[in-house]
Every structure is written in structure tokens, then in C-alpha cells.
């Protein structure tokens, strides 16, 4: 297995592409993806972003820690982690995102499997926000194997994905042609537990706190969602989360 490189560069990372037919003249379903997603303000984060990430990341100091984000997109999480003293690296497919990362001096991982062979126990935190739904189950399993090697003992993996157990997850899951696999905690646990991962938290994706009337409105929405979820669970005799998007936090033993 060849040695992985981790340095600022413009080369597209070697991440397995979705197994889908491509339009004539297209090299990837990710051609123009950042334009479609309206990614323009690269490697900046807002007050709402800061509030959101603080809720999703377990209580831990990132100062002096190494953080990897798979599929960093617009780079808001990496910018937030870097502002808190973390050393950051990322993987991405989109050419505009890669160019922005290169300009920002962000280290790029080009091959996660080779990188895991060369950098075992390197990272305290690995995040994949809205990424695993783009992969097949076999690709997810391969990524988890590599992540298990890359994380230090006690390291944290954060995943966010459309909720495959809720009807409200159908909208985000089917709103992107590059989405392949519907996911749930049960599916992730089935693949991750044999690798030594334990799920510490599984919940609807956090909502930034906001200020003033926005803060009040969001608090009301959160309360109503909890109430409706309990009613639906009782009505249908199930125990699931009904949010459209969920976050799963796993820790390596």
C-alpha cells in the first residue's frame, strides 16, 4: 500500500465515487456540486455555525488536537476547529472546495486507506457531516475501518446524515442525486461496533441557539418536536427519532 500524503495541494482526493451512471460529457456527479450547493464563503463560520458546532462536538478542548473532516464542503467546521487551536486536515471531491483549501493552507488527505496505514492514532476527532449517505454500505465499512485506525484511543467520530428511520428524512435523502444509502443508528452500529466504536449520542441534528425572538422561536420548535415525537412513538408503538436529519457521536474504545 503506497504512502499517503497530507499536505496543501490541488489534487483531487482519491475517494470512491458513487456507482451511478454519469451524464454524457460529465466526469463525475460532483461536477459543479459546490455551485449547486451555493458554496461561496469558504473557510468562514458564523455565530450560528459556532453555536451549532459547540452543541454537536462533545465537551472537549480542541487546542493542540488533530482534527480531520471527511467531505469538508465549504470548510466551516474546519475553520471553527482551527479557531479553537486544532490542527486540521480534510478530504473533499469538489474542485472549488479543494482550491479554497489550498489557498487557506489546509492539509488535504488524498487517500483515507493509505493515510490510515501511515498515521494510526493521529486524530482526536474525525467528522463527516452529510457524507456517509453519499456512499454504498461497503464504502461506509471501508471508511469506518480506516477511521478506527486513524482515531486515537478515546477519539471521537461525529456523523450527520438524513434520518433513514423517519418519513421526514425522505426530503433530505432524496433531495440530492449523489445520495445513495439511507442510514440509521442501527445500521452504523452494526458496522462500527465490531471495530470498537460505542455510540455516545444519537439525536436530531442540533439547532443553533440564536438570540432574542429567534432563540424563543427555536426553543418552541424544539419543544414541539419532542412532544410530537413522543406522540408518534406511542401511536405507532416504536422508539425512533423523528427529526429529518440526525447526528451520531461514536467513541473509539
C-alpha atoms as a PDB file:
ATOM      1  CA  UNK A   1       0.000   0.000   0.000  1.00  0.00           C
ATOM      2  CA  UNK A   2       1.508   3.348  -1.020  1.00  0.00           C
ATOM      3  CA  UNK A   3       2.391   6.027   1.491  1.00  0.00           C
ATOM      4  CA  UNK A   4      -0.327   8.642   1.988  1.00  0.00           C
ATOM      5  CA  UNK A   5       0.445  12.305   1.573  1.00  0.00           C
ATOM      6  CA  UNK A   6      -1.033  15.029   3.723  1.00  0.00           C
ATOM      7  CA  UNK A   7      -0.157  18.491   2.539  1.00  0.00           C
ATOM      8  CA  UNK A   8      -1.813  21.511   0.932  1.00  0.00           C
ATOM      9  CA  UNK A   9      -2.387  20.636  -2.716  1.00  0.00           C
ATOM     10  CA  UNK A  10      -4.857  20.939  -5.567  1.00  0.00           C
ATOM     11  CA  UNK A  11      -5.031  17.266  -6.436  1.00  0.00           C
ATOM     12  CA  UNK A  12      -8.494  15.759  -6.078  1.00  0.00           C
ATOM     13  CA  UNK A  13      -8.611  13.233  -3.223  1.00  0.00           C
ATOM     14  CA  UNK A  14      -8.895   9.565  -4.026  1.00  0.00           C
ATOM     15  CA  UNK A  15     -12.309   8.836  -2.555  1.00  0.00           C
ATOM     16  CA  UNK A  16     -14.530   6.178  -4.110  1.00  0.00           C
ATOM     17  CA  UNK A  17     -17.112   7.693  -6.453  1.00  0.00           C
ATOM     18  CA  UNK A  18     -20.792   6.705  -6.316  1.00  0.00           C
ATOM     19  CA  UNK A  19     -21.694   3.768  -8.550  1.00  0.00           C
ATOM     20  CA  UNK A  20     -24.120   5.704 -10.732  1.00  0.00           C
ATOM     21  CA  UNK A  21     -24.374   6.401 -14.448  1.00  0.00           C
ATOM     22  CA  UNK A  22     -22.929   9.768 -15.424  1.00  0.00           C
ATOM     23  CA  UNK A  23     -24.376  12.228 -17.948  1.00  0.00           C
ATOM     24  CA  UNK A  24     -22.650  12.418 -21.315  1.00  0.00           C
ATOM     25  CA  UNK A  25     -19.592  14.658 -21.085  1.00  0.00           C
ATOM     26  CA  UNK A  26     -19.537  14.545 -17.289  1.00  0.00           C
ATOM     27  CA  UNK A  27     -16.656  13.093 -15.316  1.00  0.00           C
ATOM     28  CA  UNK A  28     -18.498  12.926 -12.004  1.00  0.00           C
ATOM     29  CA  UNK A  29     -21.874  13.553 -10.397  1.00  0.00           C
ATOM     30  CA  UNK A  30     -19.940  16.082  -8.322  1.00  0.00           C
ATOM     31  CA  UNK A  31     -19.172  18.342 -11.298  1.00  0.00           C
ATOM     32  CA  UNK A  32     -20.430  21.768 -10.261  1.00  0.00           C
ATOM     33  CA  UNK A  33     -21.563  20.445  -6.879  1.00  0.00           C
ATOM     34  CA  UNK A  34     -20.380  23.464  -4.896  1.00  0.00           C
ATOM     35  CA  UNK A  35     -22.187  25.803  -7.289  1.00  0.00           C
ATOM     36  CA  UNK A  36     -25.410  23.827  -6.885  1.00  0.00           C
ATOM     37  CA  UNK A  37     -24.953  23.904  -3.099  1.00  0.00           C
ATOM     38  CA  UNK A  38     -24.227  27.636  -3.269  1.00  0.00           C
ATOM     39  CA  UNK A  39     -20.870  27.288  -1.506  1.00  0.00           C
ATOM     40  CA  UNK A  40     -19.177  30.669  -1.824  1.00  0.00           C
ATOM     41  CA  UNK A  41     -17.895  31.777   1.577  1.00  0.00           C
ATOM     42  CA  UNK A  42     -15.167  29.193   2.116  1.00  0.00           C
ATOM     43  CA  UNK A  43     -13.450  28.614   5.473  1.00  0.00           C
ATOM     44  CA  UNK A  44     -15.520  31.122   7.423  1.00  0.00           C
ATOM     45  CA  UNK A  45     -18.052  30.427  10.137  1.00  0.00           C
ATOM     46  CA  UNK A  46     -20.930  32.452  11.566  1.00  0.00           C
ATOM     47  CA  UNK A  47     -22.212  32.860  15.117  1.00  0.00           C
ATOM     48  CA  UNK A  48     -24.916  30.290  14.304  1.00  0.00           C
ATOM     49  CA  UNK A  49     -22.251  27.902  12.983  1.00  0.00           C
ATOM     50  CA  UNK A  50     -20.263  28.316  16.189  1.00  0.00           C
ATOM     51  CA  UNK A  51     -23.355  27.646  18.306  1.00  0.00           C
ATOM     52  CA  UNK A  52     -24.210  24.590  16.213  1.00  0.00           C
ATOM     53  CA  UNK A  53     -20.750  23.006  16.288  1.00  0.00           C
ATOM     54  CA  UNK A  54     -20.437  23.629  20.032  1.00  0.00           C
ATOM     55  CA  UNK A  55     -23.637  21.616  20.522  1.00  0.00           C
ATOM     56  CA  UNK A  56     -22.597  18.736  18.258  1.00  0.00           C
ATOM     57  CA  UNK A  57     -18.978  18.329  19.375  1.00  0.00           C
ATOM     58  CA  UNK A  58     -18.617  16.578  22.757  1.00  0.00           C
ATOM     59  CA  UNK A  59     -17.270  18.710  25.583  1.00  0.00           C
ATOM     60  CA  UNK A  60     -13.550  18.625  24.864  1.00  0.00           C
ATOM     61  CA  UNK A  61     -10.753  21.087  24.304  1.00  0.00           C
ATOM     62  CA  UNK A  62      -9.553  21.091  20.700  1.00  0.00           C
ATOM     63  CA  UNK A  63      -6.401  23.069  21.466  1.00  0.00           C
ATOM     64  CA  UNK A  64      -3.395  21.113  20.278  1.00  0.00           C
ATOM     65  CA  UNK A  65      -5.594  18.261  18.979  1.00  0.00           C
ATOM     66  CA  UNK A  66      -5.640  16.908  15.439  1.00  0.00           C
ATOM     67  CA  UNK A  67      -8.985  17.055  13.626  1.00  0.00           C
ATOM     68  CA  UNK A  68      -9.933  15.507  10.274  1.00  0.00           C
ATOM     69  CA  UNK A  69     -13.116  16.266   8.349  1.00  0.00           C
ATOM     70  CA  UNK A  70     -14.221  13.936   5.570  1.00  0.00           C
ATOM     71  CA  UNK A  71     -16.104  15.922   2.937  1.00  0.00           C
ATOM     72  CA  UNK A  72     -15.389  19.392   4.325  1.00  0.00           C
ATOM     73  CA  UNK A  73     -17.505  21.214   1.722  1.00  0.00           C
ATOM     74  CA  UNK A  74     -17.438  24.942   2.446  1.00  0.00           C
ATOM     75  CA  UNK A  75     -14.950  24.410   5.270  1.00  0.00           C
ATOM     76  CA  UNK A  76     -16.957  25.976   8.089  1.00  0.00           C
ATOM     77  CA  UNK A  77     -16.298  23.172  10.593  1.00  0.00           C
ATOM     78  CA  UNK A  78     -12.562  23.088   9.878  1.00  0.00           C
ATOM     79  CA  UNK A  79     -12.382  26.874  10.261  1.00  0.00           C
ATOM     80  CA  UNK A  80     -14.248  26.621  13.577  1.00  0.00           C
ATOM     81  CA  UNK A  81     -11.965  23.837  14.852  1.00  0.00           C
ATOM     82  CA  UNK A  82      -8.856  25.687  13.713  1.00  0.00           C
ATOM     83  CA  UNK A  83     -10.015  28.828  15.543  1.00  0.00           C
ATOM     84  CA  UNK A  84     -10.094  26.707  18.704  1.00  0.00           C
ATOM     85  CA  UNK A  85      -6.482  25.681  18.342  1.00  0.00           C
ATOM     86  CA  UNK A  86      -6.832  22.383  16.494  1.00  0.00           C
ATOM     87  CA  UNK A  87      -4.549  21.192  13.740  1.00  0.00           C
ATOM     88  CA  UNK A  88      -6.897  20.441  10.849  1.00  0.00           C
ATOM     89  CA  UNK A  89      -6.918  18.330   7.710  1.00  0.00           C
ATOM     90  CA  UNK A  90      -9.663  17.489   5.243  1.00  0.00           C
ATOM     91  CA  UNK A  91     -10.890  15.315   2.398  1.00  0.00           C
ATOM     92  CA  UNK A  92     -13.104  16.586  -0.401  1.00  0.00           C
ATOM     93  CA  UNK A  93     -14.140  15.905  -4.006  1.00  0.00           C
ATOM     94  CA  UNK A  94     -15.306  19.305  -5.187  1.00  0.00           C
ATOM     95  CA  UNK A  95     -12.663  21.227  -7.123  1.00  0.00           C
ATOM     96  CA  UNK A  96     -13.709  24.671  -5.831  1.00  0.00           C
ATOM     97  CA  UNK A  97     -13.552  23.433  -2.241  1.00  0.00           C
ATOM     98  CA  UNK A  98     -10.106  21.976  -2.872  1.00  0.00           C
ATOM     99  CA  UNK A  99      -8.869  25.218  -4.408  1.00  0.00           C
ATOM    100  CA  UNK A 100     -10.184  27.180  -1.420  1.00  0.00           C
ATOM    101  CA  UNK A 101      -8.499  24.745   0.973  1.00  0.00           C
ATOM    102  CA  UNK A 102      -5.235  25.109  -0.918  1.00  0.00           C
ATOM    103  CA  UNK A 103      -5.467  28.901  -0.676  1.00  0.00           C
ATOM    104  CA  UNK A 104      -6.191  28.629   3.052  1.00  0.00           C
ATOM    105  CA  UNK A 105      -3.242  26.305   3.665  1.00  0.00           C
ATOM    106  CA  UNK A 106      -5.434  23.399   4.784  1.00  0.00           C
ATOM    107  CA  UNK A 107      -3.760  19.988   4.715  1.00  0.00           C
ATOM    108  CA  UNK A 108      -5.507  17.600   2.336  1.00  0.00           C
ATOM    109  CA  UNK A 109      -5.744  13.842   2.733  1.00  0.00           C
ATOM    110  CA  UNK A 110      -5.807  12.199  -0.664  1.00  0.00           C
ATOM    111  CA  UNK A 111      -6.413   8.545   0.245  1.00  0.00           C
ATOM    112  CA  UNK A 112      -8.016   7.633   3.560  1.00  0.00           C
ATOM    113  CA  UNK A 113      -6.945   3.991   3.481  1.00  0.00           C
ATOM    114  CA  UNK A 114      -3.284   4.804   2.804  1.00  0.00           C
ATOM    115  CA  UNK A 115      -3.461   7.681   5.266  1.00  0.00           C
ATOM    116  CA  UNK A 116      -4.745   5.351   7.988  1.00  0.00           C
ATOM    117  CA  UNK A 117      -1.829   2.974   7.420  1.00  0.00           C
ATOM    118  CA  UNK A 118       0.686   5.790   7.836  1.00  0.00           C
ATOM    119  CA  UNK A 119      -0.995   7.799  10.630  1.00  0.00           C
ATOM    120  CA  UNK A 120      -2.525   5.424  13.146  1.00  0.00           C
ATOM    121  CA  UNK A 121      -3.894   7.009  16.346  1.00  0.00           C
ATOM    122  CA  UNK A 122      -3.294  10.501  14.914  1.00  0.00           C
ATOM    123  CA  UNK A 123      -6.668  12.212  15.386  1.00  0.00           C
ATOM    124  CA  UNK A 124      -8.692  13.119  18.454  1.00  0.00           C
ATOM    125  CA  UNK A 125     -11.752  13.952  16.351  1.00  0.00           C
ATOM    126  CA  UNK A 126     -12.976  12.949  12.896  1.00  0.00           C
ATOM    127  CA  UNK A 127     -16.162  14.444  11.470  1.00  0.00           C
ATOM    128  CA  UNK A 128     -18.268  13.546   8.444  1.00  0.00           C
ATOM    129  CA  UNK A 129     -21.206  15.922   8.155  1.00  0.00           C
ATOM    130  CA  UNK A 130     -23.628  14.858   5.386  1.00  0.00           C
ATOM    131  CA  UNK A 131     -21.154  12.424   3.815  1.00  0.00           C
ATOM    132  CA  UNK A 132     -21.942   8.770   4.509  1.00  0.00           C
ATOM    133  CA  UNK A 133     -25.285   8.911   2.672  1.00  0.00           C
ATOM    134  CA  UNK A 134     -23.208   9.509  -0.489  1.00  0.00           C
ATOM    135  CA  UNK A 135     -21.543   6.083  -0.121  1.00  0.00           C
ATOM    136  CA  UNK A 136     -22.524   2.448  -0.509  1.00  0.00           C
ATOM    137  CA  UNK A 137     -22.552   0.251   2.593  1.00  0.00           C
ATOM    138  CA  UNK A 138     -19.293  -1.394   1.527  1.00  0.00           C
ATOM    139  CA  UNK A 139     -17.688   2.031   1.111  1.00  0.00           C
ATOM    140  CA  UNK A 140     -19.004   3.103   4.517  1.00  0.00           C
ATOM    141  CA  UNK A 141     -17.499  -0.023   6.065  1.00  0.00           C
ATOM    142  CA  UNK A 142     -14.130   0.699   4.425  1.00  0.00           C
ATOM    143  CA  UNK A 143     -14.206   4.272   5.716  1.00  0.00           C
ATOM    144  CA  UNK A 144     -15.026   3.095   9.244  1.00  0.00           C
ATOM    145  CA  UNK A 145     -12.127   0.639   9.190  1.00  0.00           C
ATOM    146  CA  UNK A 146      -9.773   3.452   8.199  1.00  0.00           C
ATOM    147  CA  UNK A 147     -11.281   5.844  10.762  1.00  0.00           C
ATOM    148  CA  UNK A 148     -10.827   3.256  13.532  1.00  0.00           C
ATOM    149  CA  UNK A 149      -7.113   3.197  12.719  1.00  0.00           C
ATOM    150  CA  UNK A 150      -6.797   6.975  12.482  1.00  0.00           C
ATOM    151  CA  UNK A 151      -8.508   7.812  15.775  1.00  0.00           C
ATOM    152  CA  UNK A 152      -6.521   7.770  18.986  1.00  0.00           C
ATOM    153  CA  UNK A 153      -7.922   5.630  21.837  1.00  0.00           C
ATOM    154  CA  UNK A 154     -10.916   7.518  23.178  1.00  0.00           C
ATOM    155  CA  UNK A 155     -11.149   9.527  19.949  1.00  0.00           C
ATOM    156  CA  UNK A 156     -14.497  10.753  18.677  1.00  0.00           C
ATOM    157  CA  UNK A 157     -16.279  10.250  15.358  1.00  0.00           C
ATOM    158  CA  UNK A 158     -19.171  12.587  14.504  1.00  0.00           C
ATOM    159  CA  UNK A 159     -21.573  11.624  11.731  1.00  0.00           C
ATOM    160  CA  UNK A 160     -24.548  13.580  10.419  1.00  0.00           C
ATOM    161  CA  UNK A 161     -26.939  12.136   7.866  1.00  0.00           C
ATOM    162  CA  UNK A 162     -30.619  12.113   6.771  1.00  0.00           C
ATOM    163  CA  UNK A 163     -32.736  10.074   9.169  1.00  0.00           C
ATOM    164  CA  UNK A 164     -33.488   6.812   7.375  1.00  0.00           C
ATOM    165  CA  UNK A 165     -35.968   5.749  10.075  1.00  0.00           C
ATOM    166  CA  UNK A 166     -38.201   8.800   9.814  1.00  0.00           C
ATOM    167  CA  UNK A 167     -40.565   9.790   6.986  1.00  0.00           C
ATOM    168  CA  UNK A 168     -39.282  13.324   7.475  1.00  0.00           C
ATOM    169  CA  UNK A 169     -35.842  12.106   6.406  1.00  0.00           C
ATOM    170  CA  UNK A 170     -37.132  11.390   2.895  1.00  0.00           C
ATOM    171  CA  UNK A 171     -36.805  15.019   1.840  1.00  0.00           C
ATOM    172  CA  UNK A 172     -33.065  15.443   2.539  1.00  0.00           C
ATOM    173  CA  UNK A 173     -32.279  11.869   1.456  1.00  0.00           C
ATOM    174  CA  UNK A 174     -33.991  12.259  -1.914  1.00  0.00           C
ATOM    175  CA  UNK A 175     -33.034  15.878  -2.462  1.00  0.00           C
ATOM    176  CA  UNK A 176     -29.601  15.080  -3.902  1.00  0.00           C
ATOM    177  CA  UNK A 177     -28.789  12.799  -6.845  1.00  0.00           C
ATOM    178  CA  UNK A 178     -25.495  11.809  -5.204  1.00  0.00           C
ATOM    179  CA  UNK A 179     -27.209  10.312  -2.133  1.00  0.00           C
ATOM    180  CA  UNK A 180     -27.091   6.511  -2.221  1.00  0.00           C
ATOM    181  CA  UNK A 181     -27.660   4.893   1.184  1.00  0.00           C
ATOM    182  CA  UNK A 182     -30.384   5.533   3.770  1.00  0.00           C
ATOM    183  CA  UNK A 183     -28.861   5.332   7.245  1.00  0.00           C
ATOM    184  CA  UNK A 184     -29.806   4.908  10.895  1.00  0.00           C
ATOM    185  CA  UNK A 185     -28.057   4.338  14.196  1.00  0.00           C
ATOM    186  CA  UNK A 186     -28.759   0.615  13.902  1.00  0.00           C
ATOM    187  CA  UNK A 187     -27.000   0.389  10.536  1.00  0.00           C
ATOM    188  CA  UNK A 188     -23.988   2.397  11.653  1.00  0.00           C
ATOM    189  CA  UNK A 189     -23.714   0.452  14.922  1.00  0.00           C
ATOM    190  CA  UNK A 190     -23.833  -2.840  13.055  1.00  0.00           C
ATOM    191  CA  UNK A 191     -20.744  -1.804  11.088  1.00  0.00           C
ATOM    192  CA  UNK A 192     -18.953   0.215  13.776  1.00  0.00           C
ATOM    193  CA  UNK A 193     -19.308  -1.885  16.929  1.00  0.00           C
ATOM    194  CA  UNK A 194     -17.042  -4.723  15.685  1.00  0.00           C
ATOM    195  CA  UNK A 195     -14.360  -2.062  15.142  1.00  0.00           C
ATOM    196  CA  UNK A 196     -14.515  -0.964  18.773  1.00  0.00           C
ATOM    197  CA  UNK A 197     -16.862   2.011  18.481  1.00  0.00           C
ATOM    198  CA  UNK A 198     -19.580   2.824  21.006  1.00  0.00           C
ATOM    199  CA  UNK A 199     -22.374   5.292  20.246  1.00  0.00           C
ATOM    200  CA  UNK A 200     -22.450   8.002  22.911  1.00  0.00           C
ATOM    201  CA  UNK A 201     -25.178  10.166  21.448  1.00  0.00           C
ATOM    202  CA  UNK A 202     -27.797   9.799  18.739  1.00  0.00           C
ATOM    203  CA  UNK A 203     -30.233  12.659  18.329  1.00  0.00           C
ATOM    204  CA  UNK A 204     -31.811  15.077  15.920  1.00  0.00           C
ATOM    205  CA  UNK A 205     -29.264  17.462  14.477  1.00  0.00           C
ATOM    206  CA  UNK A 206     -28.722  20.365  16.871  1.00  0.00           C
ATOM    207  CA  UNK A 207     -30.343  23.735  16.305  1.00  0.00           C
ATOM    208  CA  UNK A 208     -28.266  26.889  16.853  1.00  0.00           C
ATOM    209  CA  UNK A 209     -29.468  28.781  19.904  1.00  0.00           C
ATOM    210  CA  UNK A 210     -29.857  32.204  18.322  1.00  0.00           C
ATOM    211  CA  UNK A 211     -30.785  35.420  20.112  1.00  0.00           C
ATOM    212  CA  UNK A 212     -33.930  37.255  21.140  1.00  0.00           C
ATOM    213  CA  UNK A 213     -37.092  36.240  19.308  1.00  0.00           C
ATOM    214  CA  UNK A 214     -35.124  33.752  17.179  1.00  0.00           C
ATOM    215  CA  UNK A 215     -33.948  31.988  20.328  1.00  0.00           C
ATOM    216  CA  UNK A 216     -37.523  31.804  21.643  1.00  0.00           C
ATOM    217  CA  UNK A 217     -38.897  30.522  18.335  1.00  0.00           C
ATOM    218  CA  UNK A 218     -36.249  27.801  18.123  1.00  0.00           C
ATOM    219  CA  UNK A 219     -36.895  26.752  21.723  1.00  0.00           C
ATOM    220  CA  UNK A 220     -40.610  26.397  20.942  1.00  0.00           C
ATOM    221  CA  UNK A 221     -39.822  24.358  17.827  1.00  0.00           C
ATOM    222  CA  UNK A 222     -37.538  22.037  19.796  1.00  0.00           C
ATOM    223  CA  UNK A 223     -40.209  21.513  22.443  1.00  0.00           C
ATOM    224  CA  UNK A 224     -42.919  20.817  19.875  1.00  0.00           C
ATOM    225  CA  UNK A 225     -40.701  18.339  18.046  1.00  0.00           C
ATOM    226  CA  UNK A 226     -40.076  16.415  21.260  1.00  0.00           C
ATOM    227  CA  UNK A 227     -43.783  16.356  22.052  1.00  0.00           C
ATOM    228  CA  UNK A 228     -44.830  15.250  18.553  1.00  0.00           C
ATOM    229  CA  UNK A 229     -42.100  12.589  18.559  1.00  0.00           C
ATOM    230  CA  UNK A 230     -43.376  11.108  21.820  1.00  0.00           C
ATOM    231  CA  UNK A 231     -46.941  11.087  20.480  1.00  0.00           C
ATOM    232  CA  UNK A 232     -45.928   9.385  17.238  1.00  0.00           C
ATOM    233  CA  UNK A 233     -43.868   6.777  19.084  1.00  0.00           C
ATOM    234  CA  UNK A 234     -46.854   5.988  21.302  1.00  0.00           C
ATOM    235  CA  UNK A 235     -49.250   5.916  18.351  1.00  0.00           C
ATOM    236  CA  UNK A 236     -47.132   3.578  16.216  1.00  0.00           C
ATOM    237  CA  UNK A 237     -45.543   1.604  19.092  1.00  0.00           C
ATOM    238  CA  UNK A 238     -41.975   2.444  18.046  1.00  0.00           C
ATOM    239  CA  UNK A 239     -38.990   4.147  19.662  1.00  0.00           C
ATOM    240  CA  UNK A 240     -37.336   6.260  16.998  1.00  0.00           C
ATOM    241  CA  UNK A 241     -36.208   9.824  16.462  1.00  0.00           C
ATOM    242  CA  UNK A 242     -38.441  11.692  14.011  1.00  0.00           C
ATOM    243  CA  UNK A 243     -36.125  14.556  13.044  1.00  0.00           C
ATOM    244  CA  UNK A 244     -35.282  14.790   9.350  1.00  0.00           C
ATOM    245  CA  UNK A 245     -31.524  14.828   9.980  1.00  0.00           C
ATOM    246  CA  UNK A 246     -29.678  13.128  12.848  1.00  0.00           C
ATOM    247  CA  UNK A 247     -26.236  13.287  14.414  1.00  0.00           C
ATOM    248  CA  UNK A 248     -24.470  10.219  15.760  1.00  0.00           C
ATOM    249  CA  UNK A 249     -21.437  10.584  18.022  1.00  0.00           C
ATOM    250  CA  UNK A 250     -19.264   7.491  18.451  1.00  0.00           C
ATOM    251  CA  UNK A 251     -16.188   6.992  20.593  1.00  0.00           C
ATOM    252  CA  UNK A 252     -13.335   4.576  19.932  1.00  0.00           C
ATOM    253  CA  UNK A 253     -12.649   2.315  22.877  1.00  0.00           C
END
